[in-house]
């Protein structure tokens, strides 16, 4: 594990799970720009928010299910069980790090965890295998996802869908989309889905993550998409979505 990823995981597990807020001083850099919209900028903003959070919770079962690093960026896919399932959350977090591997900027998307028996896909939205492979294909896979997002989600060239997604082995983890290639196609055809801004794409081997501003029907959302690729095609997909709050509700410069 590299220091960048280690610092991000330690901030989460030591600072939030274990309640040791001094972790914010240990793992962040000289500045810390915050995009989690309920949290004020800076290390002190982090401490202020989580001091209140810690005072309201007794047990915090936090499990990092997926993590990857690409250059100065790291990504975490996290399950949170608060106070014996009084609340369950999925968080997707992206951090920018400095030359000393310390965390200097943070983006996140938070949604409620939905049990498998309540998802349309029939697959769990976060639990499951995670094995990074094909490191030599990182840039190729990132390029494939960039083209997919532009051609399919921006330009709506749905006739090109088979170019990007495996017809026979596509697994869908989104809570609102049924499993399989044809169901994903049907979802796109029957809903107004537009990726207004593809903010960042990162990857490691067979996994690629994108963070985007998305309009789905009448909702404006911040969306992390996680893709697993095999032989140049998408074979598995997870997402995490959060409605973008109004400017008045934001404690910092916003989701992006």
C-alpha atoms as a PDB file:
ATOM      1  CA  UNK A   1       0.000   0.000   0.000  1.00  0.00           C
ATOM      2  CA  UNK A   2       1.398   3.425  -0.928  1.00  0.00           C
ATOM      3  CA  UNK A   3       1.481   6.378   1.446  1.00  0.00           C
ATOM      4  CA  UNK A   4      -1.189   8.332  -0.423  1.00  0.00           C
ATOM      5  CA  UNK A   5      -3.730   5.546  -0.054  1.00  0.00           C
ATOM      6  CA  UNK A   6      -2.578   4.777   3.482  1.00  0.00           C
ATOM      7  CA  UNK A   7      -3.167   8.397   4.526  1.00  0.00           C
ATOM      8  CA  UNK A   8      -6.677   8.455   3.065  1.00  0.00           C
ATOM      9  CA  UNK A   9      -7.610   5.194   4.757  1.00  0.00           C
ATOM     10  CA  UNK A  10      -6.093   6.311   8.057  1.00  0.00           C
ATOM     11  CA  UNK A  11      -8.051   9.577   8.043  1.00  0.00           C
ATOM     12  CA  UNK A  12     -11.228   7.569   7.582  1.00  0.00           C
ATOM     13  CA  UNK A  13     -10.574   4.745  10.010  1.00  0.00           C
ATOM     14  CA  UNK A  14      -8.655   6.530  12.740  1.00  0.00           C
ATOM     15  CA  UNK A  15     -10.343   9.912  12.454  1.00  0.00           C
ATOM     16  CA  UNK A  16     -13.965   8.920  11.833  1.00  0.00           C
ATOM     17  CA  UNK A  17     -14.340   5.272  12.859  1.00  0.00           C
ATOM     18  CA  UNK A  18     -12.100   5.453  15.943  1.00  0.00           C
ATOM     19  CA  UNK A  19     -12.920   9.074  16.787  1.00  0.00           C
ATOM     20  CA  UNK A  20      -9.325  10.309  16.936  1.00  0.00           C
ATOM     21  CA  UNK A  21      -9.732  13.739  15.395  1.00  0.00           C
ATOM     22  CA  UNK A  22      -6.007  14.467  15.672  1.00  0.00           C
ATOM     23  CA  UNK A  23      -5.742  12.235  12.600  1.00  0.00           C
ATOM     24  CA  UNK A  24      -6.779  15.257  10.569  1.00  0.00           C
ATOM     25  CA  UNK A  25      -3.513  16.967  11.547  1.00  0.00           C
ATOM     26  CA  UNK A  26      -1.442  13.880  10.760  1.00  0.00           C
ATOM     27  CA  UNK A  27      -2.776  13.033   7.306  1.00  0.00           C
ATOM     28  CA  UNK A  28      -3.646  16.388   5.700  1.00  0.00           C
ATOM     29  CA  UNK A  29      -1.277  18.890   4.103  1.00  0.00           C
ATOM     30  CA  UNK A  30      -0.749  22.608   4.611  1.00  0.00           C
ATOM     31  CA  UNK A  31      -4.240  23.242   3.233  1.00  0.00           C
ATOM     32  CA  UNK A  32      -7.353  21.090   2.998  1.00  0.00           C
ATOM     33  CA  UNK A  33     -10.056  22.120   0.522  1.00  0.00           C
ATOM     34  CA  UNK A  34     -13.402  20.524   1.296  1.00  0.00           C
ATOM     35  CA  UNK A  35     -16.193  19.697  -1.192  1.00  0.00           C
ATOM     36  CA  UNK A  36     -18.378  17.592   1.113  1.00  0.00           C
ATOM     37  CA  UNK A  37     -21.065  20.239   1.192  1.00  0.00           C
ATOM     38  CA  UNK A  38     -22.028  19.959   4.866  1.00  0.00           C
ATOM     39  CA  UNK A  39     -18.444  20.389   6.058  1.00  0.00           C
ATOM     40  CA  UNK A  40     -16.551  23.675   6.290  1.00  0.00           C
ATOM     41  CA  UNK A  41     -13.205  24.126   4.551  1.00  0.00           C
ATOM     42  CA  UNK A  42      -9.927  23.224   6.217  1.00  0.00           C
ATOM     43  CA  UNK A  43      -8.764  20.881   8.948  1.00  0.00           C
ATOM     44  CA  UNK A  44     -10.720  22.782  11.566  1.00  0.00           C
ATOM     45  CA  UNK A  45     -13.883  22.384   9.505  1.00  0.00           C
ATOM     46  CA  UNK A  46     -13.305  18.623   9.440  1.00  0.00           C
ATOM     47  CA  UNK A  47     -12.812  18.523  13.203  1.00  0.00           C
ATOM     48  CA  UNK A  48     -15.866  20.674  13.897  1.00  0.00           C
ATOM     49  CA  UNK A  49     -18.159  18.502  11.776  1.00  0.00           C
ATOM     50  CA  UNK A  50     -16.941  15.178  13.085  1.00  0.00           C
ATOM     51  CA  UNK A  51     -16.775  16.282  16.709  1.00  0.00           C
ATOM     52  CA  UNK A  52     -20.540  16.736  16.509  1.00  0.00           C
ATOM     53  CA  UNK A  53     -20.916  13.461  14.556  1.00  0.00           C
ATOM     54  CA  UNK A  54     -18.935  11.540  17.167  1.00  0.00           C
ATOM     55  CA  UNK A  55     -20.980  13.005  20.001  1.00  0.00           C
ATOM     56  CA  UNK A  56     -24.185  11.704  18.352  1.00  0.00           C
ATOM     57  CA  UNK A  57     -22.984   8.170  17.582  1.00  0.00           C
ATOM     58  CA  UNK A  58     -21.823   5.267  19.716  1.00  0.00           C
ATOM     59  CA  UNK A  59     -20.601   2.634  17.258  1.00  0.00           C
ATOM     60  CA  UNK A  60     -19.211   3.182  13.776  1.00  0.00           C
ATOM     61  CA  UNK A  61     -18.604   0.056  11.699  1.00  0.00           C
ATOM     62  CA  UNK A  62     -16.726   1.496   8.714  1.00  0.00           C
ATOM     63  CA  UNK A  63     -15.399  -0.819   6.006  1.00  0.00           C
ATOM     64  CA  UNK A  64     -13.365   0.281   3.001  1.00  0.00           C
ATOM     65  CA  UNK A  65     -14.520  -2.074   0.269  1.00  0.00           C
ATOM     66  CA  UNK A  66     -12.611  -0.692  -2.721  1.00  0.00           C
ATOM     67  CA  UNK A  67      -9.643   1.626  -3.052  1.00  0.00           C
ATOM     68  CA  UNK A  68      -7.350   2.702  -5.822  1.00  0.00           C
ATOM     69  CA  UNK A  69      -4.681   5.266  -6.577  1.00  0.00           C
ATOM     70  CA  UNK A  70      -3.883   7.115  -9.789  1.00  0.00           C
ATOM     71  CA  UNK A  71      -1.107   9.680  -9.677  1.00  0.00           C
ATOM     72  CA  UNK A  72      -1.914  12.224  -6.976  1.00  0.00           C
ATOM     73  CA  UNK A  73      -5.532  11.046  -6.623  1.00  0.00           C
ATOM     74  CA  UNK A  74      -6.903   8.280  -4.422  1.00  0.00           C
ATOM     75  CA  UNK A  75     -10.407   6.832  -4.270  1.00  0.00           C
ATOM     76  CA  UNK A  76     -12.316   4.944  -1.564  1.00  0.00           C
ATOM     77  CA  UNK A  77     -15.633   3.052  -1.746  1.00  0.00           C
ATOM     78  CA  UNK A  78     -16.871   2.761   1.826  1.00  0.00           C
ATOM     79  CA  UNK A  79     -19.699   1.102   3.755  1.00  0.00           C
ATOM     80  CA  UNK A  80     -20.772   2.718   7.046  1.00  0.00           C
ATOM     81  CA  UNK A  81     -22.961   1.036   9.659  1.00  0.00           C
ATOM     82  CA  UNK A  82     -23.803   3.558  12.367  1.00  0.00           C
ATOM     83  CA  UNK A  83     -25.090   2.455  15.779  1.00  0.00           C
ATOM     84  CA  UNK A  84     -25.968  -1.109  14.809  1.00  0.00           C
ATOM     85  CA  UNK A  85     -27.730  -0.196  11.560  1.00  0.00           C
ATOM     86  CA  UNK A  86     -29.691   2.775  12.807  1.00  0.00           C
ATOM     87  CA  UNK A  87     -28.167   4.309   9.718  1.00  0.00           C
ATOM     88  CA  UNK A  88     -26.284   2.676   6.851  1.00  0.00           C
ATOM     89  CA  UNK A  89     -24.413   4.681   4.247  1.00  0.00           C
ATOM     90  CA  UNK A  90     -22.334   4.220   1.130  1.00  0.00           C
ATOM     91  CA  UNK A  91     -19.696   6.883   0.658  1.00  0.00           C
ATOM     92  CA  UNK A  92     -17.474   7.384  -2.356  1.00  0.00           C
ATOM     93  CA  UNK A  93     -14.505   9.624  -1.639  1.00  0.00           C
ATOM     94  CA  UNK A  94     -11.821  11.117  -3.844  1.00  0.00           C
ATOM     95  CA  UNK A  95      -8.761  12.850  -2.408  1.00  0.00           C
ATOM     96  CA  UNK A  96      -6.036  14.914  -4.040  1.00  0.00           C
ATOM     97  CA  UNK A  97      -2.628  14.549  -2.386  1.00  0.00           C
ATOM     98  CA  UNK A  98       0.495  16.714  -2.334  1.00  0.00           C
ATOM     99  CA  UNK A  99       4.150  15.851  -2.975  1.00  0.00           C
ATOM    100  CA  UNK A 100       4.418  14.565   0.605  1.00  0.00           C
ATOM    101  CA  UNK A 101       1.446  12.218   0.061  1.00  0.00           C
ATOM    102  CA  UNK A 102      -0.742  14.261   2.421  1.00  0.00           C
ATOM    103  CA  UNK A 103      -4.422  14.939   1.647  1.00  0.00           C
ATOM    104  CA  UNK A 104      -5.119  18.465   0.381  1.00  0.00           C
ATOM    105  CA  UNK A 105      -8.567  18.257  -1.274  1.00  0.00           C
ATOM    106  CA  UNK A 106     -11.629  16.044  -0.840  1.00  0.00           C
ATOM    107  CA  UNK A 107     -14.793  15.273  -2.805  1.00  0.00           C
ATOM    108  CA  UNK A 108     -17.509  12.833  -1.789  1.00  0.00           C
ATOM    109  CA  UNK A 109     -20.929  11.435  -2.596  1.00  0.00           C
ATOM    110  CA  UNK A 110     -23.072   9.919   0.161  1.00  0.00           C
ATOM    111  CA  UNK A 111     -26.199   7.778  -0.204  1.00  0.00           C
ATOM    112  CA  UNK A 112     -28.215   5.375   1.902  1.00  0.00           C
ATOM    113  CA  UNK A 113     -27.225   1.721   1.704  1.00  0.00           C
ATOM    114  CA  UNK A 114     -29.952  -0.363   0.063  1.00  0.00           C
ATOM    115  CA  UNK A 115     -30.123  -4.097   0.774  1.00  0.00           C
ATOM    116  CA  UNK A 116     -29.785  -6.456  -2.175  1.00  0.00           C
ATOM    117  CA  UNK A 117     -33.417  -7.602  -1.933  1.00  0.00           C
ATOM    118  CA  UNK A 118     -34.496  -3.987  -2.541  1.00  0.00           C
ATOM    119  CA  UNK A 119     -32.237  -3.185  -5.499  1.00  0.00           C
ATOM    120  CA  UNK A 120     -33.611  -3.501  -9.016  1.00  0.00           C
ATOM    121  CA  UNK A 121     -30.439  -5.236 -10.160  1.00  0.00           C
ATOM    122  CA  UNK A 122     -30.516  -7.928  -7.502  1.00  0.00           C
ATOM    123  CA  UNK A 123     -26.851  -7.204  -6.789  1.00  0.00           C
ATOM    124  CA  UNK A 124     -25.440  -5.507  -3.708  1.00  0.00           C
ATOM    125  CA  UNK A 125     -24.482  -1.850  -4.280  1.00  0.00           C
ATOM    126  CA  UNK A 126     -21.104  -2.168  -2.515  1.00  0.00           C
ATOM    127  CA  UNK A 127     -20.230  -5.633  -1.204  1.00  0.00           C
ATOM    128  CA  UNK A 128     -18.510  -8.168  -3.418  1.00  0.00           C
ATOM    129  CA  UNK A 129     -15.113  -9.022  -4.833  1.00  0.00           C
ATOM    130  CA  UNK A 130     -12.414  -6.464  -5.561  1.00  0.00           C
ATOM    131  CA  UNK A 131      -9.200  -7.582  -7.204  1.00  0.00           C
ATOM    132  CA  UNK A 132      -7.079  -5.143  -9.194  1.00  0.00           C
ATOM    133  CA  UNK A 133      -5.397  -6.639 -12.261  1.00  0.00           C
ATOM    134  CA  UNK A 134      -4.156  -5.563 -15.706  1.00  0.00           C
ATOM    135  CA  UNK A 135      -2.094  -2.670 -14.357  1.00  0.00           C
ATOM    136  CA  UNK A 136      -0.501  -2.260 -17.782  1.00  0.00           C
ATOM    137  CA  UNK A 137      -3.958  -1.417 -19.211  1.00  0.00           C
ATOM    138  CA  UNK A 138      -4.722   1.477 -16.845  1.00  0.00           C
ATOM    139  CA  UNK A 139      -4.446   4.280 -19.410  1.00  0.00           C
ATOM    140  CA  UNK A 140      -6.178   2.253 -22.121  1.00  0.00           C
ATOM    141  CA  UNK A 141      -9.118   1.527 -19.817  1.00  0.00           C
ATOM    142  CA  UNK A 142      -9.364   5.175 -18.724  1.00  0.00           C
ATOM    143  CA  UNK A 143      -9.487   6.196 -22.376  1.00  0.00           C
ATOM    144  CA  UNK A 144     -12.279   3.672 -23.044  1.00  0.00           C
ATOM    145  CA  UNK A 145     -14.369   5.058 -20.177  1.00  0.00           C
ATOM    146  CA  UNK A 146     -13.779   8.649 -21.284  1.00  0.00           C
ATOM    147  CA  UNK A 147     -15.046   7.785 -24.779  1.00  0.00           C
ATOM    148  CA  UNK A 148     -17.983   5.857 -23.295  1.00  0.00           C
ATOM    149  CA  UNK A 149     -19.054   8.796 -21.153  1.00  0.00           C
ATOM    150  CA  UNK A 150     -18.799  11.241 -24.064  1.00  0.00           C
ATOM    151  CA  UNK A 151     -20.400   9.081 -26.764  1.00  0.00           C
ATOM    152  CA  UNK A 152     -23.119   7.433 -24.660  1.00  0.00           C
ATOM    153  CA  UNK A 153     -23.858   9.760 -21.752  1.00  0.00           C
ATOM    154  CA  UNK A 154     -23.212  13.098 -23.462  1.00  0.00           C
ATOM    155  CA  UNK A 155     -23.841  12.565 -27.185  1.00  0.00           C
ATOM    156  CA  UNK A 156     -26.429   9.786 -26.646  1.00  0.00           C
ATOM    157  CA  UNK A 157     -25.113   7.519 -29.399  1.00  0.00           C
ATOM    158  CA  UNK A 158     -26.897   4.509 -27.954  1.00  0.00           C
ATOM    159  CA  UNK A 159     -26.252   2.534 -31.139  1.00  0.00           C
ATOM    160  CA  UNK A 160     -22.597   2.441 -29.983  1.00  0.00           C
ATOM    161  CA  UNK A 161     -23.433   0.767 -26.664  1.00  0.00           C
ATOM    162  CA  UNK A 162     -22.206  -2.679 -27.730  1.00  0.00           C
ATOM    163  CA  UNK A 163     -18.817  -1.123 -28.479  1.00  0.00           C
ATOM    164  CA  UNK A 164     -18.323  -0.423 -24.774  1.00  0.00           C
ATOM    165  CA  UNK A 165     -20.360  -2.918 -22.735  1.00  0.00           C
ATOM    166  CA  UNK A 166     -20.200  -6.714 -22.730  1.00  0.00           C
ATOM    167  CA  UNK A 167     -23.499  -8.075 -24.012  1.00  0.00           C
ATOM    168  CA  UNK A 168     -23.207 -11.446 -22.298  1.00  0.00           C
ATOM    169  CA  UNK A 169     -21.528 -10.720 -18.955  1.00  0.00           C
ATOM    170  CA  UNK A 170     -22.498  -7.202 -17.824  1.00  0.00           C
ATOM    171  CA  UNK A 171     -23.236  -7.008 -14.073  1.00  0.00           C
ATOM    172  CA  UNK A 172     -25.135  -3.979 -12.747  1.00  0.00           C
ATOM    173  CA  UNK A 173     -24.950  -2.889  -9.093  1.00  0.00           C
ATOM    174  CA  UNK A 174     -26.949   0.332  -9.403  1.00  0.00           C
ATOM    175  CA  UNK A 175     -29.979   0.235  -7.112  1.00  0.00           C
ATOM    176  CA  UNK A 176     -32.253   1.701  -9.803  1.00  0.00           C
ATOM    177  CA  UNK A 177     -31.285  -0.324 -12.906  1.00  0.00           C
ATOM    178  CA  UNK A 178     -32.051  -3.973 -13.609  1.00  0.00           C
ATOM    179  CA  UNK A 179     -29.148  -6.291 -14.307  1.00  0.00           C
ATOM    180  CA  UNK A 180     -27.811  -6.983 -17.773  1.00  0.00           C
ATOM    181  CA  UNK A 181     -26.967  -5.212 -21.018  1.00  0.00           C
ATOM    182  CA  UNK A 182     -30.501  -4.932 -22.405  1.00  0.00           C
ATOM    183  CA  UNK A 183     -31.865  -3.514 -19.153  1.00  0.00           C
ATOM    184  CA  UNK A 184     -29.147  -0.873 -19.111  1.00  0.00           C
ATOM    185  CA  UNK A 185     -29.996   0.055 -22.692  1.00  0.00           C
ATOM    186  CA  UNK A 186     -33.688   0.279 -21.778  1.00  0.00           C
ATOM    187  CA  UNK A 187     -32.892   2.532 -18.829  1.00  0.00           C
ATOM    188  CA  UNK A 188     -31.030   4.958 -21.092  1.00  0.00           C
ATOM    189  CA  UNK A 189     -33.794   4.950 -23.692  1.00  0.00           C
ATOM    190  CA  UNK A 190     -36.541   5.561 -21.129  1.00  0.00           C
ATOM    191  CA  UNK A 191     -34.844   8.198 -18.991  1.00  0.00           C
ATOM    192  CA  UNK A 192     -33.255  11.560 -19.692  1.00  0.00           C
ATOM    193  CA  UNK A 193     -29.659  10.980 -18.562  1.00  0.00           C
ATOM    194  CA  UNK A 194     -27.011  13.597 -19.407  1.00  0.00           C
ATOM    195  CA  UNK A 195     -23.491  13.915 -18.014  1.00  0.00           C
ATOM    196  CA  UNK A 196     -23.161  17.701 -18.032  1.00  0.00           C
ATOM    197  CA  UNK A 197     -19.637  17.767 -16.639  1.00  0.00           C
ATOM    198  CA  UNK A 198     -17.189  14.850 -16.484  1.00  0.00           C
ATOM    199  CA  UNK A 199     -15.105  16.315 -13.683  1.00  0.00           C
ATOM    200  CA  UNK A 200     -12.405  13.671 -13.248  1.00  0.00           C
ATOM    201  CA  UNK A 201     -11.492  10.171 -14.423  1.00  0.00           C
ATOM    202  CA  UNK A 202      -9.019   7.992 -12.564  1.00  0.00           C
ATOM    203  CA  UNK A 203      -8.113   4.342 -12.737  1.00  0.00           C
ATOM    204  CA  UNK A 204      -5.908   1.493 -11.687  1.00  0.00           C
ATOM    205  CA  UNK A 205      -5.670  -1.562 -13.899  1.00  0.00           C
ATOM    206  CA  UNK A 206      -9.072  -3.064 -14.630  1.00  0.00           C
ATOM    207  CA  UNK A 207     -10.953  -0.472 -12.519  1.00  0.00           C
ATOM    208  CA  UNK A 208     -11.864   3.050 -13.632  1.00  0.00           C
ATOM    209  CA  UNK A 209     -13.713   5.680 -11.582  1.00  0.00           C
ATOM    210  CA  UNK A 210     -15.401   8.816 -12.918  1.00  0.00           C
ATOM    211  CA  UNK A 211     -16.842  11.752 -10.996  1.00  0.00           C
ATOM    212  CA  UNK A 212     -19.459  13.773 -12.854  1.00  0.00           C
ATOM    213  CA  UNK A 213     -22.267  16.289 -12.631  1.00  0.00           C
ATOM    214  CA  UNK A 214     -25.297  14.466 -14.014  1.00  0.00           C
ATOM    215  CA  UNK A 215     -28.884  15.298 -14.842  1.00  0.00           C
ATOM    216  CA  UNK A 216     -31.307  12.401 -14.574  1.00  0.00           C
ATOM    217  CA  UNK A 217     -34.806  13.468 -15.549  1.00  0.00           C
ATOM    218  CA  UNK A 218     -35.365  16.547 -13.336  1.00  0.00           C
ATOM    219  CA  UNK A 219     -32.620  15.959 -10.765  1.00  0.00           C
ATOM    220  CA  UNK A 220     -29.098  17.422 -10.714  1.00  0.00           C
ATOM    221  CA  UNK A 221     -26.741  14.908  -9.140  1.00  0.00           C
ATOM    222  CA  UNK A 222     -23.122  14.401  -8.179  1.00  0.00           C
ATOM    223  CA  UNK A 223     -22.259  10.880  -9.350  1.00  0.00           C
ATOM    224  CA  UNK A 224     -19.345   8.537  -8.880  1.00  0.00           C
ATOM    225  CA  UNK A 225     -19.303   5.649 -11.371  1.00  0.00           C
ATOM    226  CA  UNK A 226     -17.042   2.642 -10.831  1.00  0.00           C
ATOM    227  CA  UNK A 227     -16.329   0.393 -13.814  1.00  0.00           C
ATOM    228  CA  UNK A 228     -14.573  -2.962 -14.083  1.00  0.00           C
ATOM    229  CA  UNK A 229     -13.285  -3.796 -17.540  1.00  0.00           C
ATOM    230  CA  UNK A 230     -12.204  -7.008 -19.231  1.00  0.00           C
ATOM    231  CA  UNK A 231     -10.711  -7.166 -22.708  1.00  0.00           C
ATOM    232  CA  UNK A 232     -11.600  -3.569 -23.437  1.00  0.00           C
ATOM    233  CA  UNK A 233     -15.265  -3.739 -22.398  1.00  0.00           C
ATOM    234  CA  UNK A 234     -17.255  -2.836 -19.282  1.00  0.00           C
ATOM    235  CA  UNK A 235     -18.318  -5.998 -17.450  1.00  0.00           C
ATOM    236  CA  UNK A 236     -19.374  -4.552 -14.087  1.00  0.00           C
ATOM    237  CA  UNK A 237     -20.654  -1.203 -12.825  1.00  0.00           C
ATOM    238  CA  UNK A 238     -21.373   0.453  -9.486  1.00  0.00           C
ATOM    239  CA  UNK A 239     -22.562   3.997  -8.878  1.00  0.00           C
ATOM    240  CA  UNK A 240     -23.231   6.377  -6.028  1.00  0.00           C
ATOM    241  CA  UNK A 241     -25.454   9.437  -6.402  1.00  0.00           C
ATOM    242  CA  UNK A 242     -26.265  12.474  -4.298  1.00  0.00           C
ATOM    243  CA  UNK A 243     -28.544  15.358  -5.164  1.00  0.00           C
ATOM    244  CA  UNK A 244     -26.582  18.598  -5.375  1.00  0.00           C
ATOM    245  CA  UNK A 245     -27.779  20.951  -2.629  1.00  0.00           C
ATOM    246  CA  UNK A 246     -28.587  24.594  -3.212  1.00  0.00           C
ATOM    247  CA  UNK A 247     -25.852  27.180  -2.725  1.00  0.00           C
ATOM    248  CA  UNK A 248     -27.518  28.253   0.526  1.00  0.00           C
ATOM    249  CA  UNK A 249     -27.143  24.726   1.901  1.00  0.00           C
ATOM    250  CA  UNK A 250     -23.450  24.414   1.096  1.00  0.00           C
ATOM    251  CA  UNK A 251     -20.831  25.042   3.783  1.00  0.00           C
ATOM    252  CA  UNK A 252     -18.007  25.386   1.241  1.00  0.00           C
ATOM    253  CA  UNK A 253     -17.427  25.979  -2.503  1.00  0.00           C
ATOM    254  CA  UNK A 254     -19.603  23.033  -3.538  1.00  0.00           C
ATOM    255  CA  UNK A 255     -19.490  19.471  -4.874  1.00  0.00           C
ATOM    256  CA  UNK A 256     -17.049  20.236  -7.665  1.00  0.00           C
END
